[in-house]
Amino acid sequence: MSYRVLLKMGDVMKSKESLSLRFLYHTVVGRFCLKILVSRWVSFIVGKFLDSKWSKVIIPRFIKRNQIVMDDYDCDSFQCFNDCFTRKVKVGRRPIDLDKNHFISPCDGLISAYCIKKDLVIPVKQSQYSITSLLQDDELASRYQDGICLVFRLCVHHYHRYCYVDSGDKGKNVYIPGKLHTVRPIALESLPVFTENAREYTVMHTDHFGVVTQIEVGALLVGKIKNHHEEYHFVKGEEKGMFLYGGSTIVLLLEKGSVKIAEKIFEKTRLGEEYEVKMGERISE
């Protein structure tokens, strides 16, 4: 079968997926079904299945459907679907920019950049998000007044492990329970997803970029957010954690004047577009 035919099949499947999401988020019956899908017990059951050996049968279709280039990854011993989803990249396929003056992306994904003004920061689609509602901590949120907020949206085909953006020391992880909506744009049009979804944040005292807070946001049918460390001294580029199944989001909060993010990223955001980045890639000027 030709590559062109495969692409056409992929477009058809993505179109069907978009129709399904529109049904869930924009119809009365769909919203009733959505209440069931975003419940914790459904995510728990799905997560258990994706951790089981029975889930191996869906791996080939997942790889084909999302056109994942498996040459980039270690893929010799998948025992379940989540082994595939959290596959580890081969050495050298995600080089880390180790220049101490360069701020890097913590993950593969689609990035948007916003200036933090009066706590309102992320006008994604028709939803507004505030730093306070994301963190549920007024004092910590005030630290980022006039700073920068970076939003990295991970799609299912992206690498779902993430790294530390600098060296430094971190405190304990703070978990905020919630629902699990998809982070696809169609959901963001209807709901303040980031402040409803389960999320976990970490305050990091970095060596070169001040106090950075990183927020991992779970999404529809994500089994869990898996961070490796609690209080810990970390090194730039070291793996911080991973998401299990589902598209997910990482939000970085940067203090005023601590980092000069590349203007091309802000330009894309102003146009309502996202800029694609890889883990370890420089994103500062």
C-alpha atoms as a PDB file:
ATOM      1  CA  MET A   1       0.000   0.000   0.000  1.00  0.00           C
ATOM      2  CA  SER A   2       1.417   3.434  -0.978  1.00  0.00           C
ATOM      3  CA  TYR A   3       2.336   6.140   1.504  1.00  0.00           C
ATOM      4  CA  ARG A   4      -0.238   8.442  -0.165  1.00  0.00           C
ATOM      5  CA  VAL A   5      -3.011   5.928   0.477  1.00  0.00           C
ATOM      6  CA  LEU A   6      -1.914   5.591   4.106  1.00  0.00           C
ATOM      7  CA  LEU A   7      -2.056   9.364   4.502  1.00  0.00           C
ATOM      8  CA  LYS A   8      -5.552   9.433   3.022  1.00  0.00           C
ATOM      9  CA  MET A   9      -6.682   6.718   5.431  1.00  0.00           C
ATOM     10  CA  GLY A  10      -5.179   8.686   8.304  1.00  0.00           C
ATOM     11  CA  ASP A  11      -7.098  11.814   7.266  1.00  0.00           C
ATOM     12  CA  VAL A  12     -10.359   9.849   7.195  1.00  0.00           C
ATOM     13  CA  MET A  13      -9.754   8.406  10.686  1.00  0.00           C
ATOM     14  CA  LYS A  14      -8.840  11.836  12.065  1.00  0.00           C
ATOM     15  CA  SER A  15     -12.016  13.267  10.524  1.00  0.00           C
ATOM     16  CA  LYS A  16     -14.084  10.584  12.256  1.00  0.00           C
ATOM     17  CA  GLU A  17     -12.302  11.322  15.539  1.00  0.00           C
ATOM     18  CA  SER A  18     -13.096  15.045  15.183  1.00  0.00           C
ATOM     19  CA  LEU A  19     -16.765  14.225  14.558  1.00  0.00           C
ATOM     20  CA  SER A  20     -16.793  12.054  17.688  1.00  0.00           C
ATOM     21  CA  LEU A  21     -15.303  14.851  19.801  1.00  0.00           C
ATOM     22  CA  ARG A  22     -17.777  17.373  18.377  1.00  0.00           C
ATOM     23  CA  PHE A  23     -20.601  15.016  19.351  1.00  0.00           C
ATOM     24  CA  LEU A  24     -19.226  14.700  22.899  1.00  0.00           C
ATOM     25  CA  TYR A  25     -18.656  18.411  23.493  1.00  0.00           C
ATOM     26  CA  HIS A  26     -21.429  20.047  21.469  1.00  0.00           C
ATOM     27  CA  THR A  27     -24.565  17.902  21.870  1.00  0.00           C
ATOM     28  CA  VAL A  28     -26.813  17.170  24.857  1.00  0.00           C
ATOM     29  CA  VAL A  29     -26.486  13.386  24.493  1.00  0.00           C
ATOM     30  CA  GLY A  30     -22.748  13.715  23.945  1.00  0.00           C
ATOM     31  CA  ARG A  31     -22.282  15.740  27.128  1.00  0.00           C
ATOM     32  CA  PHE A  32     -24.132  13.040  29.078  1.00  0.00           C
ATOM     33  CA  CYS A  33     -21.732  10.428  27.660  1.00  0.00           C
ATOM     34  CA  LEU A  34     -18.818  12.742  28.417  1.00  0.00           C
ATOM     35  CA  LYS A  35     -19.699  12.822  32.122  1.00  0.00           C
ATOM     36  CA  ILE A  36     -19.157   9.068  32.174  1.00  0.00           C
ATOM     37  CA  LEU A  37     -15.943   9.173  30.150  1.00  0.00           C
ATOM     38  CA  VAL A  38     -14.270  11.797  32.367  1.00  0.00           C
ATOM     39  CA  SER A  39     -15.050   9.930  35.581  1.00  0.00           C
ATOM     40  CA  ARG A  40     -12.143   8.459  37.530  1.00  0.00           C
ATOM     41  CA  TRP A  41     -13.424   4.880  37.439  1.00  0.00           C
ATOM     42  CA  VAL A  42     -13.472   4.842  33.617  1.00  0.00           C
ATOM     43  CA  SER A  43      -9.901   6.157  33.476  1.00  0.00           C
ATOM     44  CA  PHE A  44      -8.873   3.597  36.113  1.00  0.00           C
ATOM     45  CA  ILE A  45     -10.361   0.680  34.116  1.00  0.00           C
ATOM     46  CA  VAL A  46      -8.860   1.884  30.828  1.00  0.00           C
ATOM     47  CA  GLY A  47      -5.505   2.406  32.527  1.00  0.00           C
ATOM     48  CA  LYS A  48      -5.541  -1.153  33.895  1.00  0.00           C
ATOM     49  CA  PHE A  49      -6.284  -2.540  30.445  1.00  0.00           C
ATOM     50  CA  LEU A  50      -3.502  -0.500  28.813  1.00  0.00           C
ATOM     51  CA  ASP A  51      -1.074  -1.865  31.420  1.00  0.00           C
ATOM     52  CA  SER A  52      -2.103  -5.467  30.669  1.00  0.00           C
ATOM     53  CA  LYS A  53      -0.625  -7.910  28.143  1.00  0.00           C
ATOM     54  CA  TRP A  54      -3.993  -8.001  26.341  1.00  0.00           C
ATOM     55  CA  SER A  55      -3.452  -4.432  25.157  1.00  0.00           C
ATOM     56  CA  LYS A  56      -0.490  -5.447  22.964  1.00  0.00           C
ATOM     57  CA  VAL A  57      -2.902  -6.194  20.106  1.00  0.00           C
ATOM     58  CA  ILE A  58      -3.674  -2.491  19.600  1.00  0.00           C
ATOM     59  CA  ILE A  59      -0.027  -1.404  19.324  1.00  0.00           C
ATOM     60  CA  PRO A  60       0.446  -1.982  15.541  1.00  0.00           C
ATOM     61  CA  ARG A  61      -2.696  -0.025  14.657  1.00  0.00           C
ATOM     62  CA  PHE A  62      -1.727   2.815  17.020  1.00  0.00           C
ATOM     63  CA  ILE A  63       1.710   3.147  15.397  1.00  0.00           C
ATOM     64  CA  LYS A  64       0.276   3.013  11.872  1.00  0.00           C
ATOM     65  CA  ARG A  65      -2.616   5.376  12.536  1.00  0.00           C
ATOM     66  CA  ASN A  66      -0.388   8.050  14.068  1.00  0.00           C
ATOM     67  CA  GLN A  67       2.474   7.559  11.582  1.00  0.00           C
ATOM     68  CA  ILE A  68       5.047   7.223  14.360  1.00  0.00           C
ATOM     69  CA  VAL A  69       8.626   6.788  13.147  1.00  0.00           C
ATOM     70  CA  MET A  70       9.678   3.899  15.378  1.00  0.00           C
ATOM     71  CA  ASP A  71      13.317   4.119  14.245  1.00  0.00           C
ATOM     72  CA  ASP A  72      13.664   6.915  16.822  1.00  0.00           C
ATOM     73  CA  TYR A  73      12.765   4.648  19.737  1.00  0.00           C
ATOM     74  CA  ASP A  74      13.813   1.552  21.666  1.00  0.00           C
ATOM     75  CA  CYS A  75      10.952  -0.837  20.869  1.00  0.00           C
ATOM     76  CA  ASP A  76      12.162  -4.426  21.333  1.00  0.00           C
ATOM     77  CA  SER A  77      10.207  -5.434  24.415  1.00  0.00           C
ATOM     78  CA  PHE A  78       6.724  -3.916  24.618  1.00  0.00           C
ATOM     79  CA  GLN A  79       4.767  -5.978  27.162  1.00  0.00           C
ATOM     80  CA  CYS A  80       1.658  -3.768  26.994  1.00  0.00           C
ATOM     81  CA  PHE A  81       0.299  -0.718  25.197  1.00  0.00           C
ATOM     82  CA  ASN A  82       1.630   1.737  27.798  1.00  0.00           C
ATOM     83  CA  ASP A  83       5.146   0.387  27.173  1.00  0.00           C
ATOM     84  CA  CYS A  84       4.696   1.564  23.596  1.00  0.00           C
ATOM     85  CA  PHE A  85       3.102   4.879  24.532  1.00  0.00           C
ATOM     86  CA  THR A  86       5.913   5.726  26.986  1.00  0.00           C
ATOM     87  CA  ARG A  87       8.580   4.297  24.658  1.00  0.00           C
ATOM     88  CA  LYS A  88      12.062   5.643  25.339  1.00  0.00           C
ATOM     89  CA  VAL A  89      13.893   7.563  22.657  1.00  0.00           C
ATOM     90  CA  LYS A  90      17.227   6.217  21.391  1.00  0.00           C
ATOM     91  CA  VAL A  91      20.421   7.875  22.538  1.00  0.00           C
ATOM     92  CA  GLY A  92      21.183  10.887  20.353  1.00  0.00           C
ATOM     93  CA  ARG A  93      17.657  11.269  18.883  1.00  0.00           C
ATOM     94  CA  ARG A  94      16.764  14.098  21.316  1.00  0.00           C
ATOM     95  CA  PRO A  95      20.021  16.011  21.817  1.00  0.00           C
ATOM     96  CA  ILE A  96      19.901  18.383  24.808  1.00  0.00           C
ATOM     97  CA  ASP A  97      21.227  21.927  24.321  1.00  0.00           C
ATOM     98  CA  LEU A  98      23.466  22.129  27.398  1.00  0.00           C
ATOM     99  CA  ASP A  99      24.540  25.768  26.986  1.00  0.00           C
ATOM    100  CA  LYS A 100      23.772  27.282  30.401  1.00  0.00           C
ATOM    101  CA  ASN A 101      22.345  30.429  28.776  1.00  0.00           C
ATOM    102  CA  HIS A 102      19.898  28.557  26.538  1.00  0.00           C
ATOM    103  CA  PHE A 103      16.407  27.740  27.782  1.00  0.00           C
ATOM    104  CA  ILE A 104      15.129  24.456  26.352  1.00  0.00           C
ATOM    105  CA  SER A 105      11.832  22.743  25.704  1.00  0.00           C
ATOM    106  CA  PRO A 106      11.025  20.096  28.345  1.00  0.00           C
ATOM    107  CA  CYS A 107       9.208  17.911  25.811  1.00  0.00           C
ATOM    108  CA  ASP A 108       8.100  17.256  22.258  1.00  0.00           C
ATOM    109  CA  GLY A 109       4.938  19.189  21.515  1.00  0.00           C
ATOM    110  CA  LEU A 110       3.161  22.235  20.135  1.00  0.00           C
ATOM    111  CA  ILE A 111       4.085  25.390  22.055  1.00  0.00           C
ATOM    112  CA  SER A 112       2.182  28.632  22.686  1.00  0.00           C
ATOM    113  CA  ALA A 113       3.591  31.606  24.647  1.00  0.00           C
ATOM    114  CA  TYR A 114       1.715  34.211  26.711  1.00  0.00           C
ATOM    115  CA  CYS A 115       2.604  37.214  28.869  1.00  0.00           C
ATOM    116  CA  ILE A 116       1.108  37.051  32.358  1.00  0.00           C
ATOM    117  CA  LYS A 117      -0.974  40.158  33.073  1.00  0.00           C
ATOM    118  CA  LYS A 118      -3.178  40.590  36.154  1.00  0.00           C
ATOM    119  CA  ASP A 119      -3.271  36.807  36.682  1.00  0.00           C
ATOM    120  CA  LEU A 120      -5.180  36.183  33.421  1.00  0.00           C
ATOM    121  CA  VAL A 121      -2.753  34.484  31.133  1.00  0.00           C
ATOM    122  CA  ILE A 122      -3.950  31.855  28.695  1.00  0.00           C
ATOM    123  CA  PRO A 123      -6.751  32.877  26.302  1.00  0.00           C
ATOM    124  CA  VAL A 124      -6.776  29.460  24.583  1.00  0.00           C
ATOM    125  CA  LYS A 125      -9.652  29.356  22.085  1.00  0.00           C
ATOM    126  CA  GLN A 126     -12.651  30.697  24.029  1.00  0.00           C
ATOM    127  CA  SER A 127     -11.444  29.667  27.494  1.00  0.00           C
ATOM    128  CA  GLN A 128      -9.583  31.922  29.926  1.00  0.00           C
ATOM    129  CA  TYR A 129      -7.171  30.543  32.493  1.00  0.00           C
ATOM    130  CA  SER A 130      -5.578  32.219  35.479  1.00  0.00           C
ATOM    131  CA  ILE A 131      -2.366  31.289  37.236  1.00  0.00           C
ATOM    132  CA  THR A 132      -4.183  31.229  40.581  1.00  0.00           C
ATOM    133  CA  SER A 133      -6.818  28.759  39.349  1.00  0.00           C
ATOM    134  CA  LEU A 134      -4.131  26.522  37.851  1.00  0.00           C
ATOM    135  CA  LEU A 135      -2.016  26.433  41.017  1.00  0.00           C
ATOM    136  CA  GLN A 136      -4.683  27.032  43.675  1.00  0.00           C
ATOM    137  CA  ASP A 137      -1.999  29.021  45.512  1.00  0.00           C
ATOM    138  CA  ASP A 138      -2.275  32.839  45.548  1.00  0.00           C
ATOM    139  CA  GLU A 139       1.225  33.474  46.912  1.00  0.00           C
ATOM    140  CA  LEU A 140       2.954  31.269  44.358  1.00  0.00           C
ATOM    141  CA  ALA A 141       0.834  32.688  41.511  1.00  0.00           C
ATOM    142  CA  SER A 142       1.833  36.266  42.443  1.00  0.00           C
ATOM    143  CA  ARG A 143       5.504  35.382  41.831  1.00  0.00           C
ATOM    144  CA  TYR A 144       4.788  35.182  38.100  1.00  0.00           C
ATOM    145  CA  GLN A 145       3.061  38.550  37.643  1.00  0.00           C
ATOM    146  CA  ASP A 146       4.365  40.118  34.378  1.00  0.00           C
ATOM    147  CA  GLY A 147       6.263  36.900  33.632  1.00  0.00           C
ATOM    148  CA  ILE A 148       5.758  34.354  30.855  1.00  0.00           C
ATOM    149  CA  CYS A 149       3.577  31.274  30.551  1.00  0.00           C
ATOM    150  CA  LEU A 150       4.504  28.562  28.062  1.00  0.00           C
ATOM    151  CA  VAL A 151       1.954  25.906  27.097  1.00  0.00           C
ATOM    152  CA  PHE A 152       3.196  22.683  25.454  1.00  0.00           C
ATOM    153  CA  ARG A 153       0.402  20.539  23.990  1.00  0.00           C
ATOM    154  CA  LEU A 154       1.383  16.897  23.429  1.00  0.00           C
ATOM    155  CA  CYS A 155      -0.589  14.923  20.849  1.00  0.00           C
ATOM    156  CA  VAL A 156      -0.792  11.124  21.007  1.00  0.00           C
ATOM    157  CA  HIS A 157       2.005  10.672  18.447  1.00  0.00           C
ATOM    158  CA  HIS A 158       4.486  12.795  20.416  1.00  0.00           C
ATOM    159  CA  TYR A 159       7.202  11.479  22.729  1.00  0.00           C
ATOM    160  CA  HIS A 160       5.529  11.427  26.161  1.00  0.00           C
ATOM    161  CA  ARG A 161       8.560  11.674  28.412  1.00  0.00           C
ATOM    162  CA  TYR A 162       9.806  15.085  29.580  1.00  0.00           C
ATOM    163  CA  CYS A 163      13.017  16.513  31.036  1.00  0.00           C
ATOM    164  CA  TYR A 164      14.292  19.252  33.347  1.00  0.00           C
ATOM    165  CA  VAL A 165      14.891  22.598  31.598  1.00  0.00           C
ATOM    166  CA  ASP A 166      17.929  23.468  33.735  1.00  0.00           C
ATOM    167  CA  SER A 167      19.921  22.200  36.724  1.00  0.00           C
ATOM    168  CA  GLY A 168      18.800  23.060  40.251  1.00  0.00           C
ATOM    169  CA  ASP A 169      16.692  21.896  43.182  1.00  0.00           C
ATOM    170  CA  LYS A 170      12.994  21.086  43.403  1.00  0.00           C
ATOM    171  CA  GLY A 171      10.436  20.694  46.145  1.00  0.00           C
ATOM    172  CA  LYS A 172       7.718  18.073  46.504  1.00  0.00           C
ATOM    173  CA  ASN A 173       5.178  17.495  43.758  1.00  0.00           C
ATOM    174  CA  VAL A 174       1.749  19.013  44.412  1.00  0.00           C
ATOM    175  CA  TYR A 175      -1.149  16.981  42.998  1.00  0.00           C
ATOM    176  CA  ILE A 176      -4.524  18.584  42.252  1.00  0.00           C
ATOM    177  CA  PRO A 177      -7.237  16.015  41.474  1.00  0.00           C
ATOM    178  CA  GLY A 178      -9.817  16.720  38.799  1.00  0.00           C
ATOM    179  CA  LYS A 179     -11.527  15.386  35.714  1.00  0.00           C
ATOM    180  CA  LEU A 180      -9.778  14.243  32.537  1.00  0.00           C
ATOM    181  CA  HIS A 181     -10.933  16.097  29.418  1.00  0.00           C
ATOM    182  CA  THR A 182      -9.098  15.881  26.123  1.00  0.00           C
ATOM    183  CA  VAL A 183      -6.695  18.768  25.444  1.00  0.00           C
ATOM    184  CA  ARG A 184      -7.701  18.918  21.777  1.00  0.00           C
ATOM    185  CA  PRO A 185      -8.763  22.435  20.634  1.00  0.00           C
ATOM    186  CA  ILE A 186     -12.407  21.361  20.273  1.00  0.00           C
ATOM    187  CA  ALA A 187     -12.599  20.766  24.039  1.00  0.00           C
ATOM    188  CA  LEU A 188     -10.796  24.019  24.819  1.00  0.00           C
ATOM    189  CA  GLU A 189     -13.548  25.870  22.931  1.00  0.00           C
ATOM    190  CA  SER A 190     -16.141  24.610  25.395  1.00  0.00           C
ATOM    191  CA  LEU A 191     -14.496  24.236  28.807  1.00  0.00           C
ATOM    192  CA  PRO A 192     -11.643  25.664  30.917  1.00  0.00           C
ATOM    193  CA  VAL A 193      -9.941  22.297  30.547  1.00  0.00           C
ATOM    194  CA  PHE A 194      -6.601  23.069  32.217  1.00  0.00           C
ATOM    195  CA  THR A 195      -8.315  24.117  35.459  1.00  0.00           C
ATOM    196  CA  GLU A 196     -10.692  21.117  35.448  1.00  0.00           C
ATOM    197  CA  ASN A 197      -8.224  18.359  34.579  1.00  0.00           C
ATOM    198  CA  ALA A 198      -6.100  16.477  37.107  1.00  0.00           C
ATOM    199  CA  ARG A 199      -2.674  18.076  37.283  1.00  0.00           C
ATOM    200  CA  GLU A 200       0.582  18.063  39.227  1.00  0.00           C
ATOM    201  CA  TYR A 201       3.034  20.901  39.672  1.00  0.00           C
ATOM    202  CA  THR A 202       6.619  21.296  40.829  1.00  0.00           C
ATOM    203  CA  VAL A 203       8.430  24.441  41.986  1.00  0.00           C
ATOM    204  CA  MET A 204      12.020  24.336  40.708  1.00  0.00           C
ATOM    205  CA  HIS A 205      14.815  26.654  41.878  1.00  0.00           C
ATOM    206  CA  THR A 206      16.991  26.627  38.766  1.00  0.00           C
ATOM    207  CA  ASP A 207      20.624  27.666  38.460  1.00  0.00           C
ATOM    208  CA  HIS A 208      20.147  30.118  35.578  1.00  0.00           C
ATOM    209  CA  PHE A 209      16.437  30.946  35.094  1.00  0.00           C
ATOM    210  CA  GLY A 210      15.065  31.756  38.527  1.00  0.00           C
ATOM    211  CA  VAL A 211      12.120  29.937  40.087  1.00  0.00           C
ATOM    212  CA  VAL A 212      10.326  27.925  37.402  1.00  0.00           C
ATOM    213  CA  THR A 213       7.036  26.168  38.111  1.00  0.00           C
ATOM    214  CA  GLN A 214       6.172  23.244  35.844  1.00  0.00           C
ATOM    215  CA  ILE A 215       2.594  21.963  35.682  1.00  0.00           C
ATOM    216  CA  GLU A 216       1.777  18.606  34.080  1.00  0.00           C
ATOM    217  CA  VAL A 217      -1.871  18.372  33.027  1.00  0.00           C
ATOM    218  CA  GLY A 218      -3.501  14.998  32.414  1.00  0.00           C
ATOM    219  CA  ALA A 219      -6.029  14.434  29.617  1.00  0.00           C
ATOM    220  CA  LEU A 220      -8.878  12.140  28.595  1.00  0.00           C
ATOM    221  CA  LEU A 221      -8.121   8.504  29.526  1.00  0.00           C
ATOM    222  CA  VAL A 222      -4.625   9.286  30.834  1.00  0.00           C
ATOM    223  CA  GLY A 223      -3.821   6.598  33.406  1.00  0.00           C
ATOM    224  CA  LYS A 224      -1.622   8.955  35.414  1.00  0.00           C
ATOM    225  CA  ILE A 225       1.097  11.571  35.467  1.00  0.00           C
ATOM    226  CA  LYS A 226       4.297   9.833  36.535  1.00  0.00           C
ATOM    227  CA  ASN A 227       7.008  12.084  37.976  1.00  0.00           C
ATOM    228  CA  HIS A 228      10.187  10.335  39.097  1.00  0.00           C
ATOM    229  CA  HIS A 229      11.287  12.558  41.991  1.00  0.00           C
ATOM    230  CA  GLU A 230      10.023  14.436  45.031  1.00  0.00           C
ATOM    231  CA  GLU A 231      12.529  16.795  46.716  1.00  0.00           C
ATOM    232  CA  TYR A 232      15.562  16.403  44.486  1.00  0.00           C
ATOM    233  CA  HIS A 233      18.679  17.983  42.944  1.00  0.00           C
ATOM    234  CA  PHE A 234      18.232  17.712  39.164  1.00  0.00           C
ATOM    235  CA  VAL A 235      20.452  18.178  36.142  1.00  0.00           C
ATOM    236  CA  LYS A 236      19.525  19.883  32.868  1.00  0.00           C
ATOM    237  CA  GLY A 237      18.147  17.358  30.379  1.00  0.00           C
ATOM    238  CA  GLU A 238      17.599  14.652  33.005  1.00  0.00           C
ATOM    239  CA  GLU A 239      14.273  12.845  32.626  1.00  0.00           C
ATOM    240  CA  LYS A 240      11.685  14.353  34.975  1.00  0.00           C
ATOM    241  CA  GLY A 241       8.765  12.056  34.238  1.00  0.00           C
ATOM    242  CA  MET A 242       6.214  10.804  31.713  1.00  0.00           C
ATOM    243  CA  PHE A 243       2.532  10.740  30.809  1.00  0.00           C
ATOM    244  CA  LEU A 244       0.677   7.485  30.340  1.00  0.00           C
ATOM    245  CA  TYR A 245      -1.924   7.192  27.571  1.00  0.00           C
ATOM    246  CA  GLY A 246      -3.607  10.281  26.135  1.00  0.00           C
ATOM    247  CA  GLY A 247      -2.753  13.678  24.754  1.00  0.00           C
ATOM    248  CA  SER A 248      -1.417  15.857  27.563  1.00  0.00           C
ATOM    249  CA  THR A 249      -0.102  19.336  28.382  1.00  0.00           C
ATOM    250  CA  ILE A 250       2.879  20.871  30.175  1.00  0.00           C
ATOM    251  CA  VAL A 251       2.657  24.471  31.426  1.00  0.00           C
ATOM    252  CA  LEU A 252       5.829  26.363  32.412  1.00  0.00           C
ATOM    253  CA  LEU A 253       5.656  29.565  34.484  1.00  0.00           C
ATOM    254  CA  LEU A 254       8.658  31.894  34.227  1.00  0.00           C
ATOM    255  CA  GLU A 255       9.418  34.923  36.408  1.00  0.00           C
ATOM    256  CA  LYS A 256       9.600  38.417  34.928  1.00  0.00           C
ATOM    257  CA  GLY A 257      12.924  38.974  33.151  1.00  0.00           C
ATOM    258  CA  SER A 258      14.256  35.470  33.805  1.00  0.00           C
ATOM    259  CA  VAL A 259      14.092  34.191  30.211  1.00  0.00           C
ATOM    260  CA  LYS A 260      13.758  35.843  26.807  1.00  0.00           C
ATOM    261  CA  ILE A 261      11.645  33.413  24.784  1.00  0.00           C
ATOM    262  CA  ALA A 262      12.130  33.438  20.994  1.00  0.00           C
ATOM    263  CA  GLU A 263       9.892  36.049  19.362  1.00  0.00           C
ATOM    264  CA  LYS A 264       8.885  33.621  16.584  1.00  0.00           C
ATOM    265  CA  ILE A 265       6.964  31.600  19.204  1.00  0.00           C
ATOM    266  CA  PHE A 266       5.022  34.668  20.371  1.00  0.00           C
ATOM    267  CA  GLU A 267       4.312  35.579  16.737  1.00  0.00           C
ATOM    268  CA  LYS A 268       2.790  32.151  16.077  1.00  0.00           C
ATOM    269  CA  THR A 269       0.662  32.437  19.219  1.00  0.00           C
ATOM    270  CA  ARG A 270      -0.645  35.866  18.188  1.00  0.00           C
ATOM    271  CA  LEU A 271      -1.752  34.304  14.894  1.00  0.00           C
ATOM    272  CA  GLY A 272      -3.636  31.592  16.791  1.00  0.00           C
ATOM    273  CA  GLU A 273      -1.094  28.954  15.751  1.00  0.00           C
ATOM    274  CA  GLU A 274       1.285  26.635  17.628  1.00  0.00           C
ATOM    275  CA  TYR A 275       5.023  26.194  17.105  1.00  0.00           C
ATOM    276  CA  GLU A 276       6.355  22.620  17.030  1.00  0.00           C
ATOM    277  CA  VAL A 277       9.361  21.825  19.226  1.00  0.00           C
ATOM    278  CA  LYS A 278      11.379  18.810  20.333  1.00  0.00           C
ATOM    279  CA  MET A 279      12.579  17.952  23.830  1.00  0.00           C
ATOM    280  CA  GLY A 280      15.951  19.586  24.563  1.00  0.00           C
ATOM    281  CA  GLU A 281      15.626  22.150  21.761  1.00  0.00           C
ATOM    282  CA  ARG A 282      16.552  25.766  22.499  1.00  0.00           C
ATOM    283  CA  ILE A 283      13.484  28.040  22.666  1.00  0.00           C
ATOM    284  CA  SER A 284      15.075  31.241  24.048  1.00  0.00           C
ATOM    285  CA  GLU A 285      16.618  34.096  22.075  1.00  0.00           C
END
